[in-house]
Protein backbone atom coordinates (compact mmCIF):
# COMPACT_ATOMS: atom_id res chain seq x y z
CA SER A 1 8.15 5.94 1.73
CA THR A 2 11.74 6.44 2.91
CA VAL A 3 10.65 8.14 6.13
CA SER A 4 8.08 5.42 6.84
CA LEU A 5 10.70 2.74 6.24
CA LEU A 6 13.10 4.45 8.65
CA GLU A 7 10.32 4.63 11.24
CA LEU A 8 9.60 0.93 10.85
CA TYR A 9 13.27 0.04 11.20
CA SER A 10 13.39 2.16 14.37
CA LEU A 11 10.53 0.11 15.80
CA THR A 12 12.37 -3.13 15.06
CA LYS A 13 15.49 -1.84 16.80
CA VAL A 14 13.47 -1.45 20.00
CA LYS A 15 12.91 -5.22 19.85
CA GLY A 16 16.62 -5.94 19.43
CA ALA A 17 16.86 -6.21 15.65
CA ASN A 18 19.55 -4.43 13.65
CA PRO A 19 18.13 -4.16 10.13
CA LEU A 20 20.36 -3.37 7.19
CA THR A 21 18.98 0.13 6.86
CA PHE A 22 20.94 1.36 3.85
CA ALA A 23 20.37 -1.86 1.89
CA GLY A 24 16.67 -1.81 2.74
CA LEU A 25 16.30 1.82 1.67
CA THR A 26 18.16 1.15 -1.58
CA MET A 27 16.03 -1.86 -2.45
CA GLY A 28 12.97 0.16 -1.51
CA VAL A 29 13.85 2.82 -4.07
CA PHE A 30 14.17 0.18 -6.81
CA VAL A 31 10.79 -1.26 -5.82
CA LEU A 32 9.19 2.17 -6.11
CA LEU A 33 10.84 2.77 -9.49
CA SER A 34 9.65 -0.61 -10.77
CA PHE A 35 6.06 0.53 -10.29
CA TYR A 36 6.72 3.98 -11.71
CA ASN A 37 8.19 2.82 -14.98
CA ALA A 38 9.76 -0.56 -15.56
CA LYS A 39 11.03 0.74 -18.92
CA LEU A 40 13.72 2.70 -17.03
CA PHE A 41 15.56 -0.57 -16.59
CA VAL A 42 14.83 -2.34 -19.85
CA ILE A 43 17.98 -1.37 -21.80
CA PRO A 44 20.55 -2.83 -19.34
CA PHE A 45 18.64 -6.12 -19.23
CA GLU A 46 18.30 -6.32 -23.00
CA LEU A 47 22.09 -6.50 -23.21
CA PHE A 48 21.90 -9.94 -21.60
CA GLY A 49 18.60 -11.23 -22.93
CA GLU A 50 14.90 -10.58 -22.68
CA ALA A 51 14.00 -7.70 -20.38
CA PRO A 52 11.06 -7.56 -17.95
CA ASN A 53 8.07 -6.07 -19.73
CA SER A 54 5.81 -5.21 -16.82
CA GLU A 55 5.89 -3.67 -13.36
CA SER A 56 5.09 -6.97 -11.68
CA GLN A 57 7.89 -8.80 -13.49
CA PHE A 58 10.45 -6.19 -12.57
CA PHE A 59 9.26 -6.12 -8.97
CA LEU A 60 9.77 -9.87 -8.69
CA LEU A 61 13.22 -9.46 -10.21
CA VAL A 62 14.08 -6.80 -7.60
CA LEU A 63 13.02 -9.16 -4.82
CA LEU A 64 15.03 -12.03 -6.29
CA ILE A 65 18.10 -9.80 -6.21
CA ALA A 66 17.33 -8.11 -2.89
CA PHE A 67 17.17 -11.19 -0.70
CA PRO A 68 20.55 -12.73 -1.64
CA VAL A 69 22.25 -9.31 -1.59
CA ILE A 70 20.93 -8.54 1.90
CA SER A 71 21.85 -12.05 3.04
CA ILE A 72 25.41 -11.70 1.70
CA ILE A 73 25.85 -8.34 3.45
CA GLU A 74 24.65 -9.89 6.70
CA LEU A 75 27.38 -12.53 6.40
CA PHE A 76 29.95 -9.80 6.97
CA ARG A 77 28.15 -8.25 9.92
CA ASN A 78 28.33 -9.30 13.54
CA ASN A 79 25.47 -7.32 14.92
CA GLY A 80 22.91 -9.41 16.75
CA SER A 81 20.59 -12.03 15.33
CA ALA A 82 21.06 -12.59 11.60
CA LEU A 83 17.56 -14.07 11.43
CA MET A 84 15.98 -10.93 12.90
CA ASN A 85 18.19 -8.57 10.91
CA VAL A 86 17.46 -10.07 7.49
CA SER A 87 13.78 -10.69 8.28
CA THR A 88 13.09 -7.16 9.47
CA THR A 89 14.99 -5.66 6.53
CA MET A 90 12.94 -7.63 4.00
CA MET A 91 9.74 -6.97 5.93
CA GLY A 92 10.33 -3.25 5.58
CA VAL A 93 10.82 -3.53 1.82
CA LEU A 94 7.61 -5.53 1.44
CA TYR A 95 5.42 -3.76 3.98
CA VAL A 96 6.43 -0.17 3.22
CA SER A 97 8.18 0.11 -0.16
CA PHE A 98 6.04 -2.44 -2.00
CA CYS A 99 2.78 -1.04 -0.66
CA PHE A 100 3.75 2.55 -1.48
CA GLY A 101 4.91 1.28 -4.87
CA THR A 102 1.47 -0.06 -5.65
CA LEU A 103 0.09 3.41 -4.97
CA ILE A 104 2.36 4.68 -7.74
CA GLY A 105 1.29 1.71 -9.84
CA LEU A 106 -2.34 2.59 -9.21
CA ARG A 107 -1.70 5.96 -10.80
CA GLU A 108 0.42 4.59 -13.66
CA ILE A 109 -1.87 1.64 -14.43
CA PHE A 110 -3.97 4.00 -16.53
CA ILE A 111 -1.27 4.53 -19.17
CA PRO A 112 -2.78 3.82 -22.59
CA SER A 113 -0.21 1.12 -23.45
CA HIS A 114 -1.22 -1.07 -20.53
CA ILE A 115 -2.75 -4.11 -22.24
CA PRO A 116 -5.69 -4.95 -19.93
CA MET A 117 -6.43 -1.25 -19.61
CA ARG A 118 -6.28 -0.73 -23.38
CA ASN A 119 -8.72 -3.56 -24.06
CA TYR A 120 -11.03 -2.44 -21.27
CA PHE A 121 -11.36 1.14 -22.47
CA HIS A 122 -11.52 0.13 -26.12
CA GLU A 123 -14.76 -1.67 -25.29
CA MET A 124 -15.98 1.49 -23.52
CA ASN A 125 -15.08 3.57 -26.62
CA VAL A 126 -12.76 5.78 -24.59
CA GLU A 127 -10.10 7.20 -26.89
CA SER A 128 -8.84 10.20 -24.92
CA ASN A 129 -5.44 9.58 -23.32
CA ALA A 130 -5.93 12.70 -21.22
CA LEU A 131 -9.06 11.18 -19.70
CA LEU A 132 -7.18 7.99 -18.87
CA TYR A 133 -4.47 9.94 -17.07
CA ARG A 134 -7.07 11.91 -15.14
CA TRP A 135 -8.76 8.69 -14.09
CA GLY A 136 -5.46 7.51 -12.64
CA GLY A 137 -5.19 10.58 -10.44
CA TYR A 138 -8.89 10.49 -9.59
CA THR A 139 -8.60 6.88 -8.47
CA VAL A 140 -5.76 7.66 -6.07
CA VAL A 141 -7.67 10.64 -4.66
CA ALA A 142 -10.81 8.52 -4.32
CA VAL A 143 -8.95 5.84 -2.36
CA TYR A 144 -7.56 8.52 -0.02
CA ALA A 145 -11.06 9.93 0.46
CA MET A 146 -12.54 6.51 1.19
CA ILE A 147 -9.87 5.81 3.80
CA TRP A 148 -10.39 9.20 5.43
CA LEU A 149 -14.17 8.78 5.59
CA CYS A 150 -13.79 5.23 6.89
CA ASP A 151 -11.41 6.34 9.65
CA SER A 152 -13.53 9.36 10.57
CA ALA A 153 -16.77 7.40 10.73
CA ALA A 154 -15.15 4.64 12.76
CA TYR A 155 -13.77 7.17 15.23
CA TYR A 156 -16.88 9.30 15.72
CA VAL A 157 -19.44 6.49 15.72
CA GLY A 158 -17.19 4.38 17.92
CA SER A 159 -16.75 7.24 20.38
CA ALA A 160 -20.48 7.93 20.53
CA MET A 161 -21.97 4.44 20.32
CA GLY A 162 -19.18 1.92 20.71
CA LYS A 163 -20.00 -0.78 23.24
CA HIS A 164 -18.42 -3.93 21.81
CA LYS A 165 -14.62 -3.94 21.63
CA LEU A 166 -13.17 -4.85 18.24
CA PHE A 167 -9.67 -5.95 19.24
CA PRO A 168 -8.91 -4.87 22.83
CA ARG A 169 -5.50 -6.58 22.94
CA VAL A 170 -4.27 -4.41 20.09
CA SER A 171 -6.38 -1.25 20.20
CA PRO A 172 -8.66 -0.96 23.25
CA ASN A 173 -10.59 2.06 21.96
CA LYS A 174 -11.80 0.55 18.68
CA SER A 175 -15.29 -0.95 18.60
CA TRP A 176 -17.36 -3.11 16.29
CA GLU A 177 -19.90 -0.31 15.96
CA GLY A 178 -17.20 2.04 14.73
CA ALA A 179 -15.75 -0.57 12.38
CA ILE A 180 -19.14 -1.25 10.79
CA ALA A 181 -19.78 2.48 10.38
CA GLY A 182 -16.38 2.90 8.75
CA PHE A 183 -17.11 0.04 6.36
CA ILE A 184 -20.47 1.52 5.35
CA PHE A 185 -19.02 4.97 4.77
CA ALA A 186 -16.21 3.53 2.64
CA VAL A 187 -18.72 1.72 0.41
CA VAL A 188 -20.94 4.80 0.13
CA ALA A 189 -17.89 6.92 -0.75
CA ALA A 190 -16.86 4.46 -3.46
CA VAL A 191 -20.33 4.49 -5.00
CA GLY A 192 -20.35 8.28 -4.86
CA ALA A 193 -16.94 8.42 -6.54
CA LYS A 194 -18.21 6.10 -9.28
CA TYR A 195 -20.97 8.55 -10.20
CA LEU A 196 -18.87 11.69 -9.71
CA PHE A 197 -15.62 10.96 -11.55
CA LEU A 198 -14.83 7.22 -11.74
CA GLU A 199 -17.18 6.44 -14.61
CA TYR A 200 -15.07 3.48 -15.70
CA LEU A 201 -16.33 1.46 -12.72
CA HIS A 202 -19.56 -0.50 -12.80
CA LEU A 203 -21.74 -0.22 -9.71
CA ASN A 204 -20.85 -3.68 -8.41
CA GLU A 205 -17.14 -2.96 -8.94
CA ALA A 206 -17.44 0.29 -6.99
CA ILE A 207 -19.15 -1.52 -4.12
CA ILE A 208 -16.38 -4.12 -4.02
CA LEU A 209 -13.77 -1.34 -4.13
CA GLY A 210 -15.40 0.35 -1.14
CA ALA A 211 -15.61 -2.96 0.71
CA ILE A 212 -11.88 -3.53 0.14
CA VAL A 213 -11.08 -0.13 1.62
CA GLY A 214 -13.55 -0.57 4.48
CA VAL A 215 -12.09 -3.90 5.54
CA PHE A 216 -8.39 -3.74 4.77
CA GLY A 217 -7.96 -0.11 5.74
CA GLN A 218 -9.03 -0.95 9.27
CA ILE A 219 -6.88 -4.09 9.30
CA GLY A 220 -3.90 -1.96 8.29
CA ASP A 221 -4.60 0.40 11.17
CA LEU A 222 -4.80 -2.53 13.60
CA PHE A 223 -1.61 -4.10 12.28
CA GLU A 224 0.41 -0.94 12.77
CA SER A 225 -1.07 -0.59 16.26
CA LEU A 226 0.11 -4.14 16.93
CA LEU A 227 3.66 -3.25 15.87
CA LYS A 228 3.70 -0.14 18.06
CA ARG A 229 2.25 -1.97 21.05
CA ASP A 230 4.83 -4.73 20.64
CA ALA A 231 7.59 -2.09 20.58
CA GLY A 232 6.07 -0.31 23.57
CA VAL A 233 5.64 3.05 21.83
CA LYS A 234 2.60 5.25 21.19
CA ASP A 235 3.65 6.59 17.78
CA SER A 236 6.04 5.45 15.07
CA SER A 237 7.89 8.77 15.50
CA ASN A 238 7.33 12.38 16.58
CA LEU A 239 7.81 13.82 13.11
CA ILE A 240 4.28 15.27 12.89
CA PRO A 241 3.41 17.03 16.19
CA GLY A 242 0.16 15.68 17.57
CA HIS A 243 -0.16 13.06 14.84
CA GLY A 244 2.86 10.81 15.30
CA GLY A 245 4.92 9.71 12.33
CA VAL A 246 4.41 9.23 8.61
CA LEU A 247 3.77 5.53 9.16
CA ASP A 248 0.93 6.43 11.53
CA ARG A 249 -0.69 8.58 8.84
CA PHE A 250 -0.47 5.97 6.08
CA ASP A 251 -1.00 2.70 7.94
CA SER A 252 -4.41 2.10 6.37
CA LEU A 253 -3.19 3.03 2.90
CA LEU A 254 -0.34 0.52 3.08
CA PHE A 255 -2.83 -2.35 3.32
CA VAL A 256 -5.42 -0.92 0.94
CA SER A 257 -3.22 0.19 -1.96
CA PRO A 258 -1.83 -3.21 -3.09
CA ILE A 259 -5.22 -4.89 -2.91
CA VAL A 260 -6.92 -2.12 -4.89
CA TYR A 261 -4.06 -2.19 -7.42
CA PHE A 262 -4.34 -5.91 -8.06
CA TYR A 263 -8.14 -5.79 -7.95
CA LEU A 264 -8.21 -3.25 -10.77
CA ASP A 265 -5.35 -4.71 -12.79
CA PHE A 266 -6.12 -8.42 -12.59
CA ILE A 267 -9.87 -8.51 -12.04
CA VAL A 268 -11.70 -5.39 -13.21
CA PHE A 269 -9.62 -4.69 -16.32
CA SER A 270 -8.43 -8.19 -17.24
CA LEU A 271 -11.79 -9.94 -16.96
CA SER A 272 -13.93 -7.26 -18.57
């Protein structure tokens, strides 16, 4: 997450922005921790009143603190456009740190004390905490696999059969044929994962999960391509020889993870 955030801030500097890098990285760490375990911060808040009792509450609290702090720091700087500096700093926290945070949340959402999760699995007669923890890890792995299959299918089918350009202004090599193939493979992978190791999903929920990955994974790829094209660079960095930067490797995941997280937490588990 930290490396990806640094890569994003480097892209914004090409466009003339001067983000508050240290402040952004610091806030990013707190965002990640809020999804890992909000209880880490409960005791200090209880000294002054009621503490946040969920990851989402603490995340909102971090944002409420982050924006004024970053704005105050910018008051004492004289380094280009304040509008661009503050905007790009906050964008990095939301686009990179928040999205990576939801990946952690996706793993931690399966803790037995999570209320929607507890009710959901009580109805399924699942009592094993170990199984719940495994499902958390399995879900993260399944999302990775769906993204990989989606990207691979889109690339190979697009290379072999692509005739209709998907978004030539942003990514000239991507085609509608490849995008449709990627979508189909993501859905098939989700259904396969449901029968292999994600038994908690119903078939319709698995199909929707695959559709989310198939659509938003490709949008995430296009969005990062847009940022790089705007900055006039091919890759976010040269950290990984032949593959670009960390941001290039996780661009799809950054869009998919928060939507999958909220889909499971607020729809699948809460409404079941």
